[in-house]
Amino acid sequence: MHPQVRSYADAVEGLEAQLAELIGLVKIVPPLVEADRRRRWEEIGARPGDPDVEMIDVYESEAGPEEGWGHADFSRTIQIAAIVTACGAFHECLTRLLFKSSLRYQLAAYPALARLVADERRRWDRRFEDLQRWYKDFQEITLTQIEGWDAVAHALELRNALVHNSGLYTQAYLKSKLARRPAREDLLGRTPPGDNALVGRELIPLSPDFTREVISGLLAAAEKVRDGLAANESPEISSP
C-alpha cells in the first residue's frame, strides 16, 4: 500500500509527494550513515591503545553483522528500496487513475457486480500487464505509446532485476532502451564485458543521480497518463 498516493484526491499529486520523499531518502540518509561511521572510527582511535588489537578489528566488532561489520553498502540498499517503492507507487497511481476515470459506478444495489469489480481491481494491483490492457480497452490509451514510457519500461525492468535477480543484469533489463551499462573502462582501465557476459554476473550500477532520474521518469509518465485520461473525460457516470 502506498498511503500518499491514496490519501490525495489527485493520485498524481500523491505520487509526486511520495517520490519526492524517496529522492530525499536517497540524498540524505547515506551521508548520515557515513558520518556515523567516521564518528565511531574517530572515537575508537581516541581510546587508549591496545598493542595486541588492531583498530579495524575493534571497529568491525562494534559495528556487527547488521552493519556488514561497518562496511555494508547502505547507499545501494537505500537506492534499491527507493526504486522498488517508487515503482509500486507508480503502479498504484495508474490503478487509481483508471479506476476513477472508468469505474465510478455506484454498485451498492448490485453486490455480485461490485464483487466482480473489486476482484478485477485486485488483479490490476498484482499484474501490471492487466492494467495496461484495461487502459487500452476502457480508454483507448496504449501506455507504451505515452511520451516518456521508455523511462517506465526501464524502471520496471530495473525493479525486477533488483528484486528477483539480486540486482544482477538480466536479458530483459538490457533490452530496455535506457539500460545502464558499466562504464567503458573500470578504475584499472579494463574494458567491461559484453552484454551476454553481464547477465547474471555483474551488478547493475546504481548512483544517487541515476536513481533520481529513474524515479523522476515515473512521475513524468504519470502526468502524461493523467493528461490522456483528461482528454478522454466523459460526463460523470451515474448509477445504472
C-alpha atoms as a PDB file:
ATOM      1  CA  MET A   1       0.000   0.000   0.000  1.00  0.00           C
ATOM      2  CA  HIS A   2       1.203   3.493  -0.845  1.00  0.00           C
ATOM      3  CA  PRO A   3      -0.567   5.838   1.575  1.00  0.00           C
ATOM      4  CA  GLN A   4       0.356   9.134  -0.052  1.00  0.00           C
ATOM      5  CA  VAL A   5      -0.949   8.031  -3.431  1.00  0.00           C
ATOM      6  CA  ARG A   6      -4.218   7.001  -1.800  1.00  0.00           C
ATOM      7  CA  SER A   7      -4.592   9.974   0.528  1.00  0.00           C
ATOM      8  CA  TYR A   8      -4.527  12.652  -2.187  1.00  0.00           C
ATOM      9  CA  ALA A   9      -7.624  13.402  -4.262  1.00  0.00           C
ATOM     10  CA  ASP A  10      -5.302  13.596  -7.282  1.00  0.00           C
ATOM     11  CA  ALA A  11      -3.320  10.366  -7.417  1.00  0.00           C
ATOM     12  CA  VAL A  12      -0.518  12.044  -9.383  1.00  0.00           C
ATOM     13  CA  GLU A  13      -0.085  14.703  -6.693  1.00  0.00           C
ATOM     14  CA  GLY A  14       0.146  11.915  -4.128  1.00  0.00           C
ATOM     15  CA  LEU A  15       2.703  10.143  -6.282  1.00  0.00           C
ATOM     16  CA  GLU A  16       4.730  13.341  -6.591  1.00  0.00           C
ATOM     17  CA  ALA A  17       4.804  13.743  -2.811  1.00  0.00           C
ATOM     18  CA  GLN A  18       5.860  10.145  -2.237  1.00  0.00           C
ATOM     19  CA  LEU A  19       8.547  10.181  -4.916  1.00  0.00           C
ATOM     20  CA  ALA A  20       9.940  13.463  -3.555  1.00  0.00           C
ATOM     21  CA  GLU A  21      10.411  11.788  -0.175  1.00  0.00           C
ATOM     22  CA  LEU A  22      12.136   8.803  -1.792  1.00  0.00           C
ATOM     23  CA  ILE A  23      14.542  11.129  -3.599  1.00  0.00           C
ATOM     24  CA  GLY A  24      15.167  12.850  -0.273  1.00  0.00           C
ATOM     25  CA  LEU A  25      15.827   9.488   1.373  1.00  0.00           C
ATOM     26  CA  VAL A  26      18.495   8.649  -1.200  1.00  0.00           C
ATOM     27  CA  LYS A  27      20.101  12.080  -0.801  1.00  0.00           C
ATOM     28  CA  ILE A  28      20.020  12.464   2.988  1.00  0.00           C
ATOM     29  CA  VAL A  29      20.474   9.059   4.618  1.00  0.00           C
ATOM     30  CA  PRO A  30      23.749   7.698   3.134  1.00  0.00           C
ATOM     31  CA  PRO A  31      25.786  10.757   4.258  1.00  0.00           C
ATOM     32  CA  LEU A  32      24.343  10.328   7.751  1.00  0.00           C
ATOM     33  CA  VAL A  33      25.476   6.700   7.782  1.00  0.00           C
ATOM     34  CA  GLU A  34      28.967   7.655   6.667  1.00  0.00           C
ATOM     35  CA  ALA A  35      29.150  10.433   9.269  1.00  0.00           C
ATOM     36  CA  ASP A  36      28.224   7.930  11.978  1.00  0.00           C
ATOM     37  CA  ARG A  37      30.923   5.556  10.768  1.00  0.00           C
ATOM     38  CA  ARG A  38      33.522   8.317  10.865  1.00  0.00           C
ATOM     39  CA  ARG A  39      32.387   9.232  14.370  1.00  0.00           C
ATOM     40  CA  ARG A  40      32.793   5.627  15.530  1.00  0.00           C
ATOM     41  CA  TRP A  41      36.218   5.325  13.900  1.00  0.00           C
ATOM     42  CA  GLU A  42      37.439   8.567  15.481  1.00  0.00           C
ATOM     43  CA  GLU A  43      36.023   7.609  18.885  1.00  0.00           C
ATOM     44  CA  ILE A  44      37.820   4.254  18.765  1.00  0.00           C
ATOM     45  CA  GLY A  45      41.027   5.987  17.698  1.00  0.00           C
ATOM     46  CA  ALA A  46      40.825   8.304  20.699  1.00  0.00           C
ATOM     47  CA  ARG A  47      40.744   5.413  23.188  1.00  0.00           C
ATOM     48  CA  PRO A  48      43.880   4.142  24.941  1.00  0.00           C
ATOM     49  CA  GLY A  49      45.549   1.762  22.513  1.00  0.00           C
ATOM     50  CA  ASP A  50      45.973  -1.999  22.930  1.00  0.00           C
ATOM     51  CA  PRO A  51      49.056  -3.170  21.045  1.00  0.00           C
ATOM     52  CA  ASP A  52      47.573  -6.637  20.634  1.00  0.00           C
ATOM     53  CA  VAL A  53      44.355  -5.450  18.971  1.00  0.00           C
ATOM     54  CA  GLU A  54      44.087  -3.779  15.585  1.00  0.00           C
ATOM     55  CA  MET A  55      41.883  -0.690  15.403  1.00  0.00           C
ATOM     56  CA  ILE A  56      39.998  -2.085  12.398  1.00  0.00           C
ATOM     57  CA  ASP A  57      39.136  -5.220  14.379  1.00  0.00           C
ATOM     58  CA  VAL A  58      37.569  -3.134  17.130  1.00  0.00           C
ATOM     59  CA  TYR A  59      35.643  -1.074  14.602  1.00  0.00           C
ATOM     60  CA  GLU A  60      34.257  -4.127  12.815  1.00  0.00           C
ATOM     61  CA  SER A  61      33.366  -5.889  16.047  1.00  0.00           C
ATOM     62  CA  GLU A  62      31.425  -2.897  17.351  1.00  0.00           C
ATOM     63  CA  ALA A  63      29.625  -2.402  14.044  1.00  0.00           C
ATOM     64  CA  GLY A  64      28.464  -6.000  13.963  1.00  0.00           C
ATOM     65  CA  PRO A  65      26.855  -8.079  11.222  1.00  0.00           C
ATOM     66  CA  GLU A  66      23.785  -5.835  10.930  1.00  0.00           C
ATOM     67  CA  GLU A  67      26.103  -3.126   9.579  1.00  0.00           C
ATOM     68  CA  GLY A  68      28.177  -5.510   7.485  1.00  0.00           C
ATOM     69  CA  TRP A  69      30.930  -5.137  10.084  1.00  0.00           C
ATOM     70  CA  GLY A  70      30.963  -1.438   9.294  1.00  0.00           C
ATOM     71  CA  HIS A  71      31.307  -1.825   5.517  1.00  0.00           C
ATOM     72  CA  ALA A  72      27.754  -2.514   4.276  1.00  0.00           C
ATOM     73  CA  ASP A  73      26.826  -0.580   1.145  1.00  0.00           C
ATOM     74  CA  PHE A  74      23.786   1.067   2.690  1.00  0.00           C
ATOM     75  CA  SER A  75      23.674   3.658  -0.079  1.00  0.00           C
ATOM     76  CA  ARG A  76      22.893   0.926  -2.617  1.00  0.00           C
ATOM     77  CA  THR A  77      20.427  -0.699  -0.225  1.00  0.00           C
ATOM     78  CA  ILE A  78      18.543   2.574   0.164  1.00  0.00           C
ATOM     79  CA  GLN A  79      18.562   3.202  -3.574  1.00  0.00           C
ATOM     80  CA  ILE A  80      17.130  -0.264  -4.204  1.00  0.00           C
ATOM     81  CA  ALA A  81      14.381   0.336  -1.648  1.00  0.00           C
ATOM     82  CA  ALA A  82      13.597   3.716  -3.211  1.00  0.00           C
ATOM     83  CA  ILE A  83      13.348   2.317  -6.748  1.00  0.00           C
ATOM     84  CA  VAL A  84      11.187  -0.630  -5.718  1.00  0.00           C
ATOM     85  CA  THR A  85       8.882   1.601  -3.672  1.00  0.00           C
ATOM     86  CA  ALA A  86       8.665   4.164  -6.466  1.00  0.00           C
ATOM     87  CA  CYS A  87       7.617   1.505  -8.980  1.00  0.00           C
ATOM     88  CA  GLY A  88       4.951   0.240  -6.594  1.00  0.00           C
ATOM     89  CA  ALA A  89       3.651   3.767  -6.025  1.00  0.00           C
ATOM     90  CA  PHE A  90       3.568   4.388  -9.780  1.00  0.00           C
ATOM     91  CA  HIS A  91       1.554   1.198 -10.302  1.00  0.00           C
ATOM     92  CA  GLU A  92      -0.870   2.258  -7.571  1.00  0.00           C
ATOM     93  CA  CYS A  93      -1.194   5.720  -9.113  1.00  0.00           C
ATOM     94  CA  LEU A  94      -2.094   4.364 -12.546  1.00  0.00           C
ATOM     95  CA  THR A  95      -4.587   1.953 -10.996  1.00  0.00           C
ATOM     96  CA  ARG A  96      -6.330   4.784  -9.162  1.00  0.00           C
ATOM     97  CA  LEU A  97      -6.396   6.987 -12.238  1.00  0.00           C
ATOM     98  CA  LEU A  98      -8.027   4.308 -14.383  1.00  0.00           C
ATOM     99  CA  PHE A  99     -10.472   3.225 -11.700  1.00  0.00           C
ATOM    100  CA  LYS A 100     -11.588   6.803 -11.140  1.00  0.00           C
ATOM    101  CA  SER A 101     -11.986   7.514 -14.833  1.00  0.00           C
ATOM    102  CA  SER A 102     -13.667   4.272 -15.881  1.00  0.00           C
ATOM    103  CA  LEU A 103     -15.327   2.528 -12.920  1.00  0.00           C
ATOM    104  CA  ARG A 104     -17.057   5.246 -10.932  1.00  0.00           C
ATOM    105  CA  TYR A 105     -20.308   3.316 -10.728  1.00  0.00           C
ATOM    106  CA  GLN A 106     -22.320   3.116  -7.514  1.00  0.00           C
ATOM    107  CA  LEU A 107     -22.857  -0.626  -7.111  1.00  0.00           C
ATOM    108  CA  ALA A 108     -24.289  -0.895  -3.597  1.00  0.00           C
ATOM    109  CA  ALA A 109     -27.524  -2.297  -5.048  1.00  0.00           C
ATOM    110  CA  TYR A 110     -25.597  -4.865  -7.106  1.00  0.00           C
ATOM    111  CA  PRO A 111     -23.347  -6.777  -4.673  1.00  0.00           C
ATOM    112  CA  ALA A 112     -22.413  -9.518  -7.142  1.00  0.00           C
ATOM    113  CA  LEU A 113     -21.258  -6.990  -9.727  1.00  0.00           C
ATOM    114  CA  ALA A 114     -19.498  -4.977  -7.022  1.00  0.00           C
ATOM    115  CA  ARG A 115     -17.560  -8.100  -6.050  1.00  0.00           C
ATOM    116  CA  LEU A 116     -16.534  -8.708  -9.661  1.00  0.00           C
ATOM    117  CA  VAL A 117     -15.269  -5.136  -9.933  1.00  0.00           C
ATOM    118  CA  ALA A 118     -13.367  -5.441  -6.641  1.00  0.00           C
ATOM    119  CA  ASP A 119     -11.770  -8.706  -7.777  1.00  0.00           C
ATOM    120  CA  GLU A 120     -10.718  -7.132 -11.066  1.00  0.00           C
ATOM    121  CA  ARG A 121      -9.240  -4.165  -9.232  1.00  0.00           C
ATOM    122  CA  ARG A 122      -7.118  -6.528  -7.142  1.00  0.00           C
ATOM    123  CA  ARG A 123      -5.840  -8.132 -10.344  1.00  0.00           C
ATOM    124  CA  TRP A 124      -4.731  -4.702 -11.525  1.00  0.00           C
ATOM    125  CA  ASP A 125      -2.777  -4.378  -8.291  1.00  0.00           C
ATOM    126  CA  ARG A 126      -0.995  -7.671  -8.920  1.00  0.00           C
ATOM    127  CA  ARG A 127      -0.353  -7.621 -12.652  1.00  0.00           C
ATOM    128  CA  PHE A 128       0.782  -4.505 -14.454  1.00  0.00           C
ATOM    129  CA  GLU A 129       0.055  -6.207 -17.793  1.00  0.00           C
ATOM    130  CA  ASP A 130      -3.665  -6.416 -16.906  1.00  0.00           C
ATOM    131  CA  LEU A 131      -3.686  -2.730 -16.045  1.00  0.00           C
ATOM    132  CA  GLN A 132      -2.101  -1.875 -19.396  1.00  0.00           C
ATOM    133  CA  ARG A 133      -4.728  -3.952 -21.212  1.00  0.00           C
ATOM    134  CA  TRP A 134      -7.628  -2.210 -19.472  1.00  0.00           C
ATOM    135  CA  TYR A 135      -6.206   1.215 -20.283  1.00  0.00           C
ATOM    136  CA  LYS A 136      -6.439   0.172 -23.929  1.00  0.00           C
ATOM    137  CA  ASP A 137      -9.920  -1.362 -23.615  1.00  0.00           C
ATOM    138  CA  PHE A 138     -11.521   1.272 -21.383  1.00  0.00           C
ATOM    139  CA  GLN A 139      -9.819   4.459 -22.565  1.00  0.00           C
ATOM    140  CA  GLU A 140      -8.131   3.541 -25.856  1.00  0.00           C
ATOM    141  CA  ILE A 141      -4.820   4.571 -24.330  1.00  0.00           C
ATOM    142  CA  THR A 142      -1.804   2.453 -25.226  1.00  0.00           C
ATOM    143  CA  LEU A 143       0.514   3.094 -22.322  1.00  0.00           C
ATOM    144  CA  THR A 144       3.611   2.024 -24.241  1.00  0.00           C
ATOM    145  CA  GLN A 145       2.974   4.880 -26.664  1.00  0.00           C
ATOM    146  CA  ILE A 146       2.805   7.522 -23.932  1.00  0.00           C
ATOM    147  CA  GLU A 147       5.600  10.099 -24.195  1.00  0.00           C
ATOM    148  CA  GLY A 148       8.393   9.107 -21.853  1.00  0.00           C
ATOM    149  CA  TRP A 149       7.262   5.480 -21.500  1.00  0.00           C
ATOM    150  CA  ASP A 150      10.806   4.234 -22.201  1.00  0.00           C
ATOM    151  CA  ALA A 151      11.672   5.529 -18.714  1.00  0.00           C
ATOM    152  CA  VAL A 152       8.849   3.450 -17.231  1.00  0.00           C
ATOM    153  CA  ALA A 153       9.872   0.297 -19.098  1.00  0.00           C
ATOM    154  CA  HIS A 154      13.429   0.801 -17.855  1.00  0.00           C
ATOM    155  CA  ALA A 155      12.340   1.413 -14.268  1.00  0.00           C
ATOM    156  CA  LEU A 156      10.122  -1.684 -14.191  1.00  0.00           C
ATOM    157  CA  GLU A 157      12.825  -3.966 -15.607  1.00  0.00           C
ATOM    158  CA  LEU A 158      15.345  -2.444 -13.203  1.00  0.00           C
ATOM    159  CA  ARG A 159      12.945  -3.107 -10.337  1.00  0.00           C
ATOM    160  CA  ASN A 160      12.517  -6.719 -11.479  1.00  0.00           C
ATOM    161  CA  ALA A 161      16.277  -7.236 -11.650  1.00  0.00           C
ATOM    162  CA  LEU A 162      16.772  -5.720  -8.194  1.00  0.00           C
ATOM    163  CA  VAL A 163      14.006  -7.804  -6.613  1.00  0.00           C
ATOM    164  CA  HIS A 164      14.248 -11.105  -8.471  1.00  0.00           C
ATOM    165  CA  ASN A 165      17.875 -11.288  -9.585  1.00  0.00           C
ATOM    166  CA  SER A 166      19.760  -9.776  -6.644  1.00  0.00           C
ATOM    167  CA  GLY A 167      20.471  -6.636  -8.661  1.00  0.00           C
ATOM    168  CA  LEU A 168      22.401  -8.548 -11.326  1.00  0.00           C
ATOM    169  CA  TYR A 169      21.886  -7.828 -15.001  1.00  0.00           C
ATOM    170  CA  THR A 170      19.060  -9.644 -16.799  1.00  0.00           C
ATOM    171  CA  GLN A 171      18.414 -10.005 -20.512  1.00  0.00           C
ATOM    172  CA  ALA A 172      15.102  -8.164 -20.098  1.00  0.00           C
ATOM    173  CA  TYR A 173      16.813  -5.218 -18.405  1.00  0.00           C
ATOM    174  CA  LEU A 174      19.483  -4.961 -21.098  1.00  0.00           C
ATOM    175  CA  LYS A 175      16.759  -4.872 -23.775  1.00  0.00           C
ATOM    176  CA  SER A 176      15.229  -1.723 -22.274  1.00  0.00           C
ATOM    177  CA  LYS A 177      16.279   1.335 -24.273  1.00  0.00           C
ATOM    178  CA  LEU A 178      17.603   3.208 -21.234  1.00  0.00           C
ATOM    179  CA  ALA A 179      19.510   0.294 -19.677  1.00  0.00           C
ATOM    180  CA  ARG A 180      22.577   1.437 -17.788  1.00  0.00           C
ATOM    181  CA  ARG A 181      25.753  -0.421 -18.568  1.00  0.00           C
ATOM    182  CA  PRO A 182      29.121  -0.323 -16.788  1.00  0.00           C
ATOM    183  CA  ALA A 183      31.489   2.499 -17.620  1.00  0.00           C
ATOM    184  CA  ARG A 184      33.554   1.916 -20.755  1.00  0.00           C
ATOM    185  CA  GLU A 185      36.574   1.367 -18.583  1.00  0.00           C
ATOM    186  CA  ASP A 186      36.867   0.457 -14.923  1.00  0.00           C
ATOM    187  CA  LEU A 187      39.290   2.047 -12.469  1.00  0.00           C
ATOM    188  CA  LEU A 188      42.070  -0.221 -13.727  1.00  0.00           C
ATOM    189  CA  GLY A 189      41.448   0.699 -17.354  1.00  0.00           C
ATOM    190  CA  ARG A 190      39.848  -2.639 -18.269  1.00  0.00           C
ATOM    191  CA  THR A 191      37.013  -2.793 -20.775  1.00  0.00           C
ATOM    192  CA  PRO A 192      33.805  -4.231 -19.288  1.00  0.00           C
ATOM    193  CA  PRO A 193      32.395  -7.467 -20.757  1.00  0.00           C
ATOM    194  CA  GLY A 194      29.698  -7.533 -23.423  1.00  0.00           C
ATOM    195  CA  ASP A 195      26.005  -7.841 -22.643  1.00  0.00           C
ATOM    196  CA  ASN A 196      25.904 -11.648 -22.653  1.00  0.00           C
ATOM    197  CA  ALA A 197      28.709 -11.799 -20.110  1.00  0.00           C
ATOM    198  CA  LEU A 198      26.959  -9.254 -17.886  1.00  0.00           C
ATOM    199  CA  VAL A 199      23.764 -11.271 -17.413  1.00  0.00           C
ATOM    200  CA  GLY A 200      23.654 -12.904 -14.015  1.00  0.00           C
ATOM    201  CA  ARG A 201      27.278 -11.981 -13.257  1.00  0.00           C
ATOM    202  CA  GLU A 202      27.546  -8.216 -12.851  1.00  0.00           C
ATOM    203  CA  LEU A 203      25.594  -5.849 -10.623  1.00  0.00           C
ATOM    204  CA  ILE A 204      23.630  -3.107 -12.335  1.00  0.00           C
ATOM    205  CA  PRO A 205      25.466   0.053 -11.209  1.00  0.00           C
ATOM    206  CA  LEU A 206      23.432   2.495  -9.149  1.00  0.00           C
ATOM    207  CA  SER A 207      24.175   6.055  -8.102  1.00  0.00           C
ATOM    208  CA  PRO A 208      22.083   8.748  -6.400  1.00  0.00           C
ATOM    209  CA  ASP A 209      21.838  10.765  -9.628  1.00  0.00           C
ATOM    210  CA  PHE A 210      20.817   7.706 -11.638  1.00  0.00           C
ATOM    211  CA  THR A 211      18.238   6.685  -9.042  1.00  0.00           C
ATOM    212  CA  ARG A 212      16.782  10.194  -9.013  1.00  0.00           C
ATOM    213  CA  GLU A 213      16.441  10.071 -12.808  1.00  0.00           C
ATOM    214  CA  VAL A 214      14.666   6.708 -12.628  1.00  0.00           C
ATOM    215  CA  ILE A 215      12.187   7.989 -10.044  1.00  0.00           C
ATOM    216  CA  SER A 216      11.611  11.307 -11.826  1.00  0.00           C
ATOM    217  CA  GLY A 217      10.848   9.463 -15.072  1.00  0.00           C
ATOM    218  CA  LEU A 218       7.962   7.670 -13.389  1.00  0.00           C
ATOM    219  CA  LEU A 219       6.391  10.941 -12.292  1.00  0.00           C
ATOM    220  CA  ALA A 220       6.704  12.467 -15.761  1.00  0.00           C
ATOM    221  CA  ALA A 221       4.967   9.449 -17.311  1.00  0.00           C
ATOM    222  CA  ALA A 222       2.171   9.508 -14.723  1.00  0.00           C
ATOM    223  CA  GLU A 223       1.494  13.137 -15.588  1.00  0.00           C
ATOM    224  CA  LYS A 224       1.208  12.210 -19.273  1.00  0.00           C
ATOM    225  CA  VAL A 225      -1.223   9.402 -18.450  1.00  0.00           C
ATOM    226  CA  ARG A 226      -3.362  11.785 -16.385  1.00  0.00           C
ATOM    227  CA  ASP A 227      -3.377  14.234 -19.305  1.00  0.00           C
ATOM    228  CA  GLY A 228      -4.506  11.481 -21.665  1.00  0.00           C
ATOM    229  CA  LEU A 229      -7.349  10.483 -19.379  1.00  0.00           C
ATOM    230  CA  ALA A 230      -8.425  14.105 -19.009  1.00  0.00           C
ATOM    231  CA  ALA A 231      -8.607  14.414 -22.792  1.00  0.00           C
ATOM    232  CA  ASN A 232     -10.932  11.400 -22.875  1.00  0.00           C
ATOM    233  CA  GLU A 233     -13.006  12.568 -19.927  1.00  0.00           C
ATOM    234  CA  SER A 234     -16.733  11.917 -20.240  1.00  0.00           C
ATOM    235  CA  PRO A 235     -19.614  13.294 -18.117  1.00  0.00           C
ATOM    236  CA  GLU A 236     -19.936  11.934 -14.586  1.00  0.00           C
ATOM    237  CA  ILE A 237     -21.186   8.351 -14.701  1.00  0.00           C
ATOM    238  CA  SER A 238     -24.440   7.783 -12.834  1.00  0.00           C
ATOM    239  CA  SER A 239     -25.773   4.629 -11.281  1.00  0.00           C
ATOM    240  CA  PRO A 240     -27.061   2.155 -13.891  1.00  0.00           C
END
